[in-house]
Amino acid sequence: MAFTLPDSFGAHVDQSDPIAAAQERGMTAAQFFLGDPQGWKGPKIAYAGGAAGLKADAAEAGIRLYVHAPYVINVATTNNRIRIPSRKLLQQTVTAAAEIGAAGVIVHGGHVTKDDDPEVGFENWYKCIDRLEAEIPVLIENTAGGANAMARHLDRLGQVWEAIAKADGFDNIGLCLDTCHAHAGGEELVGLVDRVRAITGRVDLVHLNDSRDAFDSGADRHANLGQGQADPDGLRAVVADAGAPFILETPGDAPEHRADLEWLTS
């Protein structure tokens, strides 16, 4: 039985020219950072035509754009010196992503410390979403590790969703499902989409990644498709069941990403 790709799929690429990067891979979408993923400086548009040019050129080329928020963002934490700048940086990222016509901004679920009550993290997520001016969808991503993570296990994800459902702007919040993170976080991939949808009602984007490490390892280390330890049938099942756009965040450049697509459809 042939594997059918969704209408939109792409890879994480450098932001200097995401349109050309997607076209080189034969893809219809691109994900990228707007600036330093490990820093607190605000977003920066590196495309030669600026924000307006990127928006217009991507629309003309039929390339869907996604922006990944910086890794340093943790809106759940009880540490004010991280949580408050995280909210500010997330808002800046969402605003900049809207200017380039992005289809969404992906942000990790974050965590509280091992000594914290996770309820505080859920409440902090509510406060963040309640105050966020989201002109475009914000997609919360499941994560691989951390004993007090907000979105490693599905029960915690459900508690996040229950909290933010009360917030203004909740209608513009979605879910990004990462297959490496799920595998490393201890969630079986086969049937995962149905289990997630039972909690959130939606899967808006898939981060399609194999895992370098073993099931339930807690390690966020991506591998090319078919080269890691994630269940290959499960990887294909997530894409097929989600029926949503997917983004490869696998190692390498265009040749490796084209090989990932060939593995997926073979």
C-alpha atoms as a PDB file:
ATOM      1  CA  MET A   1       0.000   0.000   0.000  1.00  0.00           C
ATOM      2  CA  ALA A   2       1.508   3.318  -1.074  1.00  0.00           C
ATOM      3  CA  PHE A   3       2.240   5.929   1.560  1.00  0.00           C
ATOM      4  CA  THR A   4       0.575   9.268   0.776  1.00  0.00           C
ATOM      5  CA  LEU A   5       2.330  12.443   1.848  1.00  0.00           C
ATOM      6  CA  PRO A   6       0.244  15.283   3.303  1.00  0.00           C
ATOM      7  CA  ASP A   7      -0.251  18.448   1.274  1.00  0.00           C
ATOM      8  CA  SER A   8       2.405  20.313   3.222  1.00  0.00           C
ATOM      9  CA  PHE A   9       5.746  18.974   4.458  1.00  0.00           C
ATOM     10  CA  GLY A  10       9.190  20.397   4.964  1.00  0.00           C
ATOM     11  CA  ALA A  11      12.346  20.546   7.044  1.00  0.00           C
ATOM     12  CA  HIS A  12      14.033  22.790   9.573  1.00  0.00           C
ATOM     13  CA  VAL A  13      16.431  25.007   7.626  1.00  0.00           C
ATOM     14  CA  ASP A  14      18.537  28.136   7.939  1.00  0.00           C
ATOM     15  CA  GLN A  15      16.430  31.283   7.870  1.00  0.00           C
ATOM     16  CA  SER A  16      18.559  33.143   5.330  1.00  0.00           C
ATOM     17  CA  ASP A  17      16.521  31.721   2.424  1.00  0.00           C
ATOM     18  CA  PRO A  18      13.963  29.156   3.604  1.00  0.00           C
ATOM     19  CA  ILE A  19      12.130  29.268   0.287  1.00  0.00           C
ATOM     20  CA  ALA A  20      15.164  28.123  -1.705  1.00  0.00           C
ATOM     21  CA  ALA A  21      15.953  25.524   0.975  1.00  0.00           C
ATOM     22  CA  ALA A  22      12.469  24.035   0.715  1.00  0.00           C
ATOM     23  CA  GLN A  23      12.586  23.985  -3.075  1.00  0.00           C
ATOM     24  CA  GLU A  24      15.999  22.296  -3.046  1.00  0.00           C
ATOM     25  CA  ARG A  25      14.466  19.502  -0.994  1.00  0.00           C
ATOM     26  CA  GLY A  26      11.334  19.229  -3.132  1.00  0.00           C
ATOM     27  CA  MET A  27       9.245  20.323  -0.156  1.00  0.00           C
ATOM     28  CA  THR A  28       6.338  22.670   0.373  1.00  0.00           C
ATOM     29  CA  ALA A  29       7.172  24.001   3.847  1.00  0.00           C
ATOM     30  CA  ALA A  30      10.113  25.278   5.880  1.00  0.00           C
ATOM     31  CA  GLN A  31      10.742  25.797   9.581  1.00  0.00           C
ATOM     32  CA  PHE A  32      13.457  28.039  10.991  1.00  0.00           C
ATOM     33  CA  PHE A  33      14.527  30.195  13.922  1.00  0.00           C
ATOM     34  CA  LEU A  34      14.301  33.973  13.866  1.00  0.00           C
ATOM     35  CA  GLY A  35      17.611  34.584  15.605  1.00  0.00           C
ATOM     36  CA  ASP A  36      19.632  32.674  18.193  1.00  0.00           C
ATOM     37  CA  PRO A  37      17.735  29.617  19.511  1.00  0.00           C
ATOM     38  CA  GLN A  38      19.851  29.669  22.696  1.00  0.00           C
ATOM     39  CA  GLY A  39      19.731  33.404  23.358  1.00  0.00           C
ATOM     40  CA  TRP A  40      17.385  36.027  24.779  1.00  0.00           C
ATOM     41  CA  LYS A  41      17.786  38.637  22.055  1.00  0.00           C
ATOM     42  CA  GLY A  42      14.634  39.382  20.101  1.00  0.00           C
ATOM     43  CA  PRO A  43      13.865  37.942  16.668  1.00  0.00           C
ATOM     44  CA  LYS A  44      15.822  38.996  13.617  1.00  0.00           C
ATOM     45  CA  ILE A  45      14.769  38.653   9.979  1.00  0.00           C
ATOM     46  CA  ALA A  46      17.761  37.501   7.912  1.00  0.00           C
ATOM     47  CA  TYR A  47      15.954  37.174   4.557  1.00  0.00           C
ATOM     48  CA  ALA A  48      17.295  39.652   2.012  1.00  0.00           C
ATOM     49  CA  GLY A  49      13.847  41.033   1.265  1.00  0.00           C
ATOM     50  CA  GLY A  50      12.947  41.531   4.919  1.00  0.00           C
ATOM     51  CA  ALA A  51       9.721  40.415   6.530  1.00  0.00           C
ATOM     52  CA  ALA A  52       7.445  41.757   3.798  1.00  0.00           C
ATOM     53  CA  GLY A  53       9.589  40.229   1.067  1.00  0.00           C
ATOM     54  CA  LEU A  54       9.679  36.825   2.750  1.00  0.00           C
ATOM     55  CA  LYS A  55       5.921  36.827   3.208  1.00  0.00           C
ATOM     56  CA  ALA A  56       5.284  37.768  -0.439  1.00  0.00           C
ATOM     57  CA  ASP A  57       7.899  35.439  -1.917  1.00  0.00           C
ATOM     58  CA  ALA A  58       6.780  32.449   0.169  1.00  0.00           C
ATOM     59  CA  ALA A  59       3.169  32.993  -0.854  1.00  0.00           C
ATOM     60  CA  GLU A  60       4.141  33.214  -4.512  1.00  0.00           C
ATOM     61  CA  ALA A  61       6.249  30.048  -4.263  1.00  0.00           C
ATOM     62  CA  GLY A  62       3.575  28.151  -2.346  1.00  0.00           C
ATOM     63  CA  ILE A  63       5.889  27.531   0.625  1.00  0.00           C
ATOM     64  CA  ARG A  64       4.335  27.362   4.086  1.00  0.00           C
ATOM     65  CA  LEU A  65       6.518  28.901   6.807  1.00  0.00           C
ATOM     66  CA  TYR A  66       6.827  27.852  10.450  1.00  0.00           C
ATOM     67  CA  VAL A  67       8.901  29.549  13.132  1.00  0.00           C
ATOM     68  CA  HIS A  68      10.411  27.639  16.038  1.00  0.00           C
ATOM     69  CA  ALA A  69      10.642  29.748  19.179  1.00  0.00           C
ATOM     70  CA  PRO A  70      14.009  29.854  20.999  1.00  0.00           C
ATOM     71  CA  TYR A  71      14.823  26.877  23.205  1.00  0.00           C
ATOM     72  CA  VAL A  72      15.481  29.120  26.215  1.00  0.00           C
ATOM     73  CA  ILE A  73      11.780  29.946  26.558  1.00  0.00           C
ATOM     74  CA  ASN A  74      10.146  28.319  29.580  1.00  0.00           C
ATOM     75  CA  VAL A  75       6.859  29.973  30.486  1.00  0.00           C
ATOM     76  CA  ALA A  76       6.029  27.287  33.064  1.00  0.00           C
ATOM     77  CA  THR A  77       8.954  27.873  35.418  1.00  0.00           C
ATOM     78  CA  THR A  78       8.621  29.346  38.899  1.00  0.00           C
ATOM     79  CA  ASN A  79      11.842  31.323  38.330  1.00  0.00           C
ATOM     80  CA  ASN A  80      10.786  34.905  37.610  1.00  0.00           C
ATOM     81  CA  ARG A  81      14.115  35.671  35.927  1.00  0.00           C
ATOM     82  CA  ILE A  82      13.293  33.066  33.284  1.00  0.00           C
ATOM     83  CA  ARG A  83       9.494  33.096  33.145  1.00  0.00           C
ATOM     84  CA  ILE A  84       9.017  36.840  32.613  1.00  0.00           C
ATOM     85  CA  PRO A  85      11.656  37.139  29.846  1.00  0.00           C
ATOM     86  CA  SER A  86      10.179  33.962  28.321  1.00  0.00           C
ATOM     87  CA  ARG A  87       6.767  35.553  27.980  1.00  0.00           C
ATOM     88  CA  LYS A  88       8.318  38.657  26.435  1.00  0.00           C
ATOM     89  CA  LEU A  89      10.428  36.681  23.966  1.00  0.00           C
ATOM     90  CA  LEU A  90       7.507  34.451  22.988  1.00  0.00           C
ATOM     91  CA  GLN A  91       5.381  37.516  22.252  1.00  0.00           C
ATOM     92  CA  GLN A  92       8.180  39.065  20.193  1.00  0.00           C
ATOM     93  CA  THR A  93       8.582  35.827  18.254  1.00  0.00           C
ATOM     94  CA  VAL A  94       4.862  35.494  17.557  1.00  0.00           C
ATOM     95  CA  THR A  95       4.632  39.100  16.395  1.00  0.00           C
ATOM     96  CA  ALA A  96       7.627  38.718  14.062  1.00  0.00           C
ATOM     97  CA  ALA A  97       6.333  35.399  12.730  1.00  0.00           C
ATOM     98  CA  ALA A  98       2.995  37.023  11.921  1.00  0.00           C
ATOM     99  CA  GLU A  99       4.837  39.687   9.920  1.00  0.00           C
ATOM    100  CA  ILE A 100       6.358  37.038   7.625  1.00  0.00           C
ATOM    101  CA  GLY A 101       3.023  35.261   7.224  1.00  0.00           C
ATOM    102  CA  ALA A 102       4.043  32.159   9.174  1.00  0.00           C
ATOM    103  CA  ALA A 103       1.489  29.397   9.660  1.00  0.00           C
ATOM    104  CA  GLY A 104       2.471  29.039  13.302  1.00  0.00           C
ATOM    105  CA  VAL A 105       5.062  29.348  16.055  1.00  0.00           C
ATOM    106  CA  ILE A 106       6.250  26.203  17.829  1.00  0.00           C
ATOM    107  CA  VAL A 107       7.230  26.461  21.506  1.00  0.00           C
ATOM    108  CA  HIS A 108       8.325  23.738  23.926  1.00  0.00           C
ATOM    109  CA  GLY A 109       6.132  22.824  26.891  1.00  0.00           C
ATOM    110  CA  GLY A 110       8.758  23.744  29.460  1.00  0.00           C
ATOM    111  CA  HIS A 111       9.112  22.469  33.014  1.00  0.00           C
ATOM    112  CA  VAL A 112       9.232  23.290  36.690  1.00  0.00           C
ATOM    113  CA  THR A 113      11.977  22.122  39.043  1.00  0.00           C
ATOM    114  CA  LYS A 114      11.854  18.756  40.774  1.00  0.00           C
ATOM    115  CA  ASP A 115      10.827  20.410  44.062  1.00  0.00           C
ATOM    116  CA  ASP A 116       7.979  22.463  42.551  1.00  0.00           C
ATOM    117  CA  ASP A 117       4.295  21.631  42.509  1.00  0.00           C
ATOM    118  CA  PRO A 118       3.489  21.037  38.812  1.00  0.00           C
ATOM    119  CA  GLU A 119       0.176  22.822  39.358  1.00  0.00           C
ATOM    120  CA  VAL A 120       2.169  26.060  39.434  1.00  0.00           C
ATOM    121  CA  GLY A 121       3.491  25.263  35.965  1.00  0.00           C
ATOM    122  CA  PHE A 122      -0.004  24.669  34.614  1.00  0.00           C
ATOM    123  CA  GLU A 123      -1.144  27.978  36.121  1.00  0.00           C
ATOM    124  CA  ASN A 124       1.824  29.765  34.569  1.00  0.00           C
ATOM    125  CA  TRP A 125       0.883  28.366  31.179  1.00  0.00           C
ATOM    126  CA  TYR A 126      -2.648  29.719  31.668  1.00  0.00           C
ATOM    127  CA  LYS A 127      -1.299  33.177  32.540  1.00  0.00           C
ATOM    128  CA  CYS A 128       0.976  33.162  29.502  1.00  0.00           C
ATOM    129  CA  ILE A 129      -1.765  32.269  27.041  1.00  0.00           C
ATOM    130  CA  ASP A 130      -4.260  34.600  28.709  1.00  0.00           C
ATOM    131  CA  ARG A 131      -1.921  37.559  28.121  1.00  0.00           C
ATOM    132  CA  LEU A 132      -0.457  36.538  24.771  1.00  0.00           C
ATOM    133  CA  GLU A 133      -1.498  38.468  21.660  1.00  0.00           C
ATOM    134  CA  ALA A 134      -1.398  35.632  19.174  1.00  0.00           C
ATOM    135  CA  GLU A 135      -2.132  36.819  15.651  1.00  0.00           C
ATOM    136  CA  ILE A 136      -1.155  33.371  14.345  1.00  0.00           C
ATOM    137  CA  PRO A 137      -1.380  29.886  15.895  1.00  0.00           C
ATOM    138  CA  VAL A 138       1.007  29.023  18.720  1.00  0.00           C
ATOM    139  CA  LEU A 139       1.738  25.293  18.770  1.00  0.00           C
ATOM    140  CA  ILE A 140       2.832  23.741  22.060  1.00  0.00           C
ATOM    141  CA  GLU A 141       5.308  20.907  21.514  1.00  0.00           C
ATOM    142  CA  ASN A 142       5.697  17.756  23.595  1.00  0.00           C
ATOM    143  CA  THR A 143       9.173  17.254  25.054  1.00  0.00           C
ATOM    144  CA  ALA A 144      11.438  14.268  25.655  1.00  0.00           C
ATOM    145  CA  GLY A 145      12.835  14.559  29.161  1.00  0.00           C
ATOM    146  CA  GLY A 146      12.504  16.031  32.605  1.00  0.00           C
ATOM    147  CA  ALA A 147      10.753  14.510  35.617  1.00  0.00           C
ATOM    148  CA  ASN A 148       8.681  17.662  36.104  1.00  0.00           C
ATOM    149  CA  ALA A 149       8.144  18.515  32.444  1.00  0.00           C
ATOM    150  CA  MET A 150       4.826  19.993  31.406  1.00  0.00           C
ATOM    151  CA  ALA A 151       4.456  18.014  28.167  1.00  0.00           C
ATOM    152  CA  ARG A 152       6.550  14.834  28.314  1.00  0.00           C
ATOM    153  CA  HIS A 153       3.720  12.511  29.331  1.00  0.00           C
ATOM    154  CA  LEU A 154       0.148  12.667  28.076  1.00  0.00           C
ATOM    155  CA  ASP A 155      -1.363  13.085  31.532  1.00  0.00           C
ATOM    156  CA  ARG A 156       0.674  16.252  32.052  1.00  0.00           C
ATOM    157  CA  LEU A 157      -0.186  17.484  28.567  1.00  0.00           C
ATOM    158  CA  GLY A 158      -3.830  17.016  29.489  1.00  0.00           C
ATOM    159  CA  GLN A 159      -3.366  19.168  32.580  1.00  0.00           C
ATOM    160  CA  VAL A 160      -1.734  21.900  30.500  1.00  0.00           C
ATOM    161  CA  TRP A 161      -4.643  21.774  28.076  1.00  0.00           C
ATOM    162  CA  GLU A 162      -7.193  21.907  30.871  1.00  0.00           C
ATOM    163  CA  ALA A 163      -5.487  24.989  32.308  1.00  0.00           C
ATOM    164  CA  ILE A 164      -5.075  26.961  29.076  1.00  0.00           C
ATOM    165  CA  ALA A 165      -8.606  26.143  27.881  1.00  0.00           C
ATOM    166  CA  LYS A 166      -9.806  28.820  30.308  1.00  0.00           C
ATOM    167  CA  ALA A 167      -7.552  31.503  28.842  1.00  0.00           C
ATOM    168  CA  ASP A 168      -8.425  34.235  26.390  1.00  0.00           C
ATOM    169  CA  GLY A 169      -6.840  33.351  23.077  1.00  0.00           C
ATOM    170  CA  PHE A 170      -7.081  29.594  23.608  1.00  0.00           C
ATOM    171  CA  ASP A 171      -8.754  29.242  20.205  1.00  0.00           C
ATOM    172  CA  ASN A 172      -5.420  30.119  18.585  1.00  0.00           C
ATOM    173  CA  ILE A 173      -3.418  27.492  20.505  1.00  0.00           C
ATOM    174  CA  GLY A 174      -2.539  24.191  18.854  1.00  0.00           C
ATOM    175  CA  LEU A 175      -0.291  21.171  19.239  1.00  0.00           C
ATOM    176  CA  CYS A 176       2.981  20.132  17.609  1.00  0.00           C
ATOM    177  CA  LEU A 177       3.641  16.403  18.053  1.00  0.00           C
ATOM    178  CA  ASP A 178       7.327  15.412  17.952  1.00  0.00           C
ATOM    179  CA  THR A 179       7.930  11.699  17.294  1.00  0.00           C
ATOM    180  CA  CYS A 180      11.466  11.593  18.727  1.00  0.00           C
ATOM    181  CA  HIS A 181      10.299  13.349  21.878  1.00  0.00           C
ATOM    182  CA  ALA A 182       7.357  10.974  22.250  1.00  0.00           C
ATOM    183  CA  HIS A 183       9.535   7.872  21.800  1.00  0.00           C
ATOM    184  CA  ALA A 184      12.217   9.151  24.173  1.00  0.00           C
ATOM    185  CA  GLY A 185       9.539  10.336  26.576  1.00  0.00           C
ATOM    186  CA  GLY A 186       8.026   6.874  26.886  1.00  0.00           C
ATOM    187  CA  GLU A 187       4.998   7.122  24.596  1.00  0.00           C
ATOM    188  CA  GLU A 188       4.361   4.383  22.005  1.00  0.00           C
ATOM    189  CA  LEU A 189       4.040   5.875  18.517  1.00  0.00           C
ATOM    190  CA  VAL A 190       1.407   3.494  17.147  1.00  0.00           C
ATOM    191  CA  GLY A 191      -1.959   4.914  18.178  1.00  0.00           C
ATOM    192  CA  LEU A 192      -0.343   8.045  19.605  1.00  0.00           C
ATOM    193  CA  VAL A 193      -2.271  10.496  17.445  1.00  0.00           C
ATOM    194  CA  ASP A 194      -5.604   9.142  18.656  1.00  0.00           C
ATOM    195  CA  ARG A 195      -4.449   9.286  22.285  1.00  0.00           C
ATOM    196  CA  VAL A 196      -3.277  12.881  21.872  1.00  0.00           C
ATOM    197  CA  ARG A 197      -6.451  13.960  20.083  1.00  0.00           C
ATOM    198  CA  ALA A 198      -8.508  12.471  22.914  1.00  0.00           C
ATOM    199  CA  ILE A 199      -6.803  15.053  25.144  1.00  0.00           C
ATOM    200  CA  THR A 200      -6.320  18.102  22.918  1.00  0.00           C
ATOM    201  CA  GLY A 201      -8.810  17.531  20.127  1.00  0.00           C
ATOM    202  CA  ARG A 202      -6.119  18.338  17.572  1.00  0.00           C
ATOM    203  CA  VAL A 203      -2.688  17.747  16.096  1.00  0.00           C
ATOM    204  CA  ASP A 204      -1.685  20.747  13.986  1.00  0.00           C
ATOM    205  CA  LEU A 205       1.884  19.837  13.051  1.00  0.00           C
ATOM    206  CA  VAL A 206       4.185  16.819  13.293  1.00  0.00           C
ATOM    207  CA  HIS A 207       7.902  17.049  13.933  1.00  0.00           C
ATOM    208  CA  LEU A 208       8.951  13.858  12.198  1.00  0.00           C
ATOM    209  CA  ASN A 209      12.200  12.629  13.721  1.00  0.00           C
ATOM    210  CA  ASP A 210      13.754   9.272  14.497  1.00  0.00           C
ATOM    211  CA  SER A 211      15.480   8.890  17.871  1.00  0.00           C
ATOM    212  CA  ARG A 212      19.146   8.182  18.476  1.00  0.00           C
ATOM    213  CA  ASP A 213      18.320   6.760  21.895  1.00  0.00           C
ATOM    214  CA  ALA A 214      16.148   4.064  23.410  1.00  0.00           C
ATOM    215  CA  PHE A 215      12.466   4.184  24.299  1.00  0.00           C
ATOM    216  CA  ASP A 216      11.789   6.208  27.484  1.00  0.00           C
ATOM    217  CA  SER A 217      15.429   7.358  27.614  1.00  0.00           C
ATOM    218  CA  GLY A 218      14.464  11.004  28.110  1.00  0.00           C
ATOM    219  CA  ALA A 219      17.140  11.970  25.567  1.00  0.00           C
ATOM    220  CA  ASP A 220      16.289  14.574  22.919  1.00  0.00           C
ATOM    221  CA  ARG A 221      18.648  13.407  20.177  1.00  0.00           C
ATOM    222  CA  HIS A 222      17.243  13.206  16.668  1.00  0.00           C
ATOM    223  CA  ALA A 223      18.249  10.694  14.008  1.00  0.00           C
ATOM    224  CA  ASN A 224      17.428  10.385  10.315  1.00  0.00           C
ATOM    225  CA  LEU A 225      14.383   8.293   9.527  1.00  0.00           C
ATOM    226  CA  GLY A 226      15.110   4.586   9.715  1.00  0.00           C
ATOM    227  CA  GLN A 227      18.506   5.227  11.312  1.00  0.00           C
ATOM    228  CA  GLY A 228      17.416   5.414  14.946  1.00  0.00           C
ATOM    229  CA  GLN A 229      15.560   3.414  17.569  1.00  0.00           C
ATOM    230  CA  ALA A 230      12.010   4.696  17.071  1.00  0.00           C
ATOM    231  CA  ASP A 231       9.450   2.209  15.772  1.00  0.00           C
ATOM    232  CA  PRO A 232       9.429   2.637  11.960  1.00  0.00           C
ATOM    233  CA  ASP A 233       5.798   1.573  11.713  1.00  0.00           C
ATOM    234  CA  GLY A 234       5.009   4.084  14.429  1.00  0.00           C
ATOM    235  CA  LEU A 235       6.742   6.921  12.576  1.00  0.00           C
ATOM    236  CA  ARG A 236       4.679   6.277   9.465  1.00  0.00           C
ATOM    237  CA  ALA A 237       1.524   5.810  11.544  1.00  0.00           C
ATOM    238  CA  VAL A 238       1.895   9.223  13.168  1.00  0.00           C
ATOM    239  CA  VAL A 239       2.131  10.944   9.785  1.00  0.00           C
ATOM    240  CA  ALA A 240      -0.754   8.950   8.308  1.00  0.00           C
ATOM    241  CA  ASP A 241      -3.030   9.314  11.342  1.00  0.00           C
ATOM    242  CA  ALA A 242      -2.335  13.009  11.911  1.00  0.00           C
ATOM    243  CA  GLY A 243      -3.075  14.048   8.335  1.00  0.00           C
ATOM    244  CA  ALA A 244      -1.274  17.265   9.259  1.00  0.00           C
ATOM    245  CA  PRO A 245       1.786  19.003   7.829  1.00  0.00           C
ATOM    246  CA  PHE A 246       5.099  17.585   9.006  1.00  0.00           C
ATOM    247  CA  ILE A 247       8.560  19.039   9.437  1.00  0.00           C
ATOM    248  CA  LEU A 248      11.777  17.024   9.449  1.00  0.00           C
ATOM    249  CA  GLU A 249      14.239  18.091  12.142  1.00  0.00           C
ATOM    250  CA  THR A 250      16.673  15.343  11.227  1.00  0.00           C
ATOM    251  CA  PRO A 251      20.460  15.725  10.849  1.00  0.00           C
ATOM    252  CA  GLY A 252      22.093  16.782   7.611  1.00  0.00           C
ATOM    253  CA  ASP A 253      21.200  18.990   4.692  1.00  0.00           C
ATOM    254  CA  ALA A 254      19.166  18.618   1.505  1.00  0.00           C
ATOM    255  CA  PRO A 255      20.523  15.169   0.475  1.00  0.00           C
ATOM    256  CA  GLU A 256      19.793  13.668   3.886  1.00  0.00           C
ATOM    257  CA  HIS A 257      16.339  15.212   4.014  1.00  0.00           C
ATOM    258  CA  ARG A 258      15.490  13.919   0.552  1.00  0.00           C
ATOM    259  CA  ALA A 259      16.644  10.468   1.731  1.00  0.00           C
ATOM    260  CA  ASP A 260      14.325  10.787   4.735  1.00  0.00           C
ATOM    261  CA  LEU A 261      11.411  11.411   2.380  1.00  0.00           C
ATOM    262  CA  GLU A 262      12.392   8.418   0.267  1.00  0.00           C
ATOM    263  CA  TRP A 263      12.483   6.230   3.375  1.00  0.00           C
ATOM    264  CA  LEU A 264       9.062   7.484   4.448  1.00  0.00           C
ATOM    265  CA  THR A 265       7.398   6.760   1.108  1.00  0.00           C
ATOM    266  CA  SER A 266       9.234   3.523   0.266  1.00  0.00           C
END
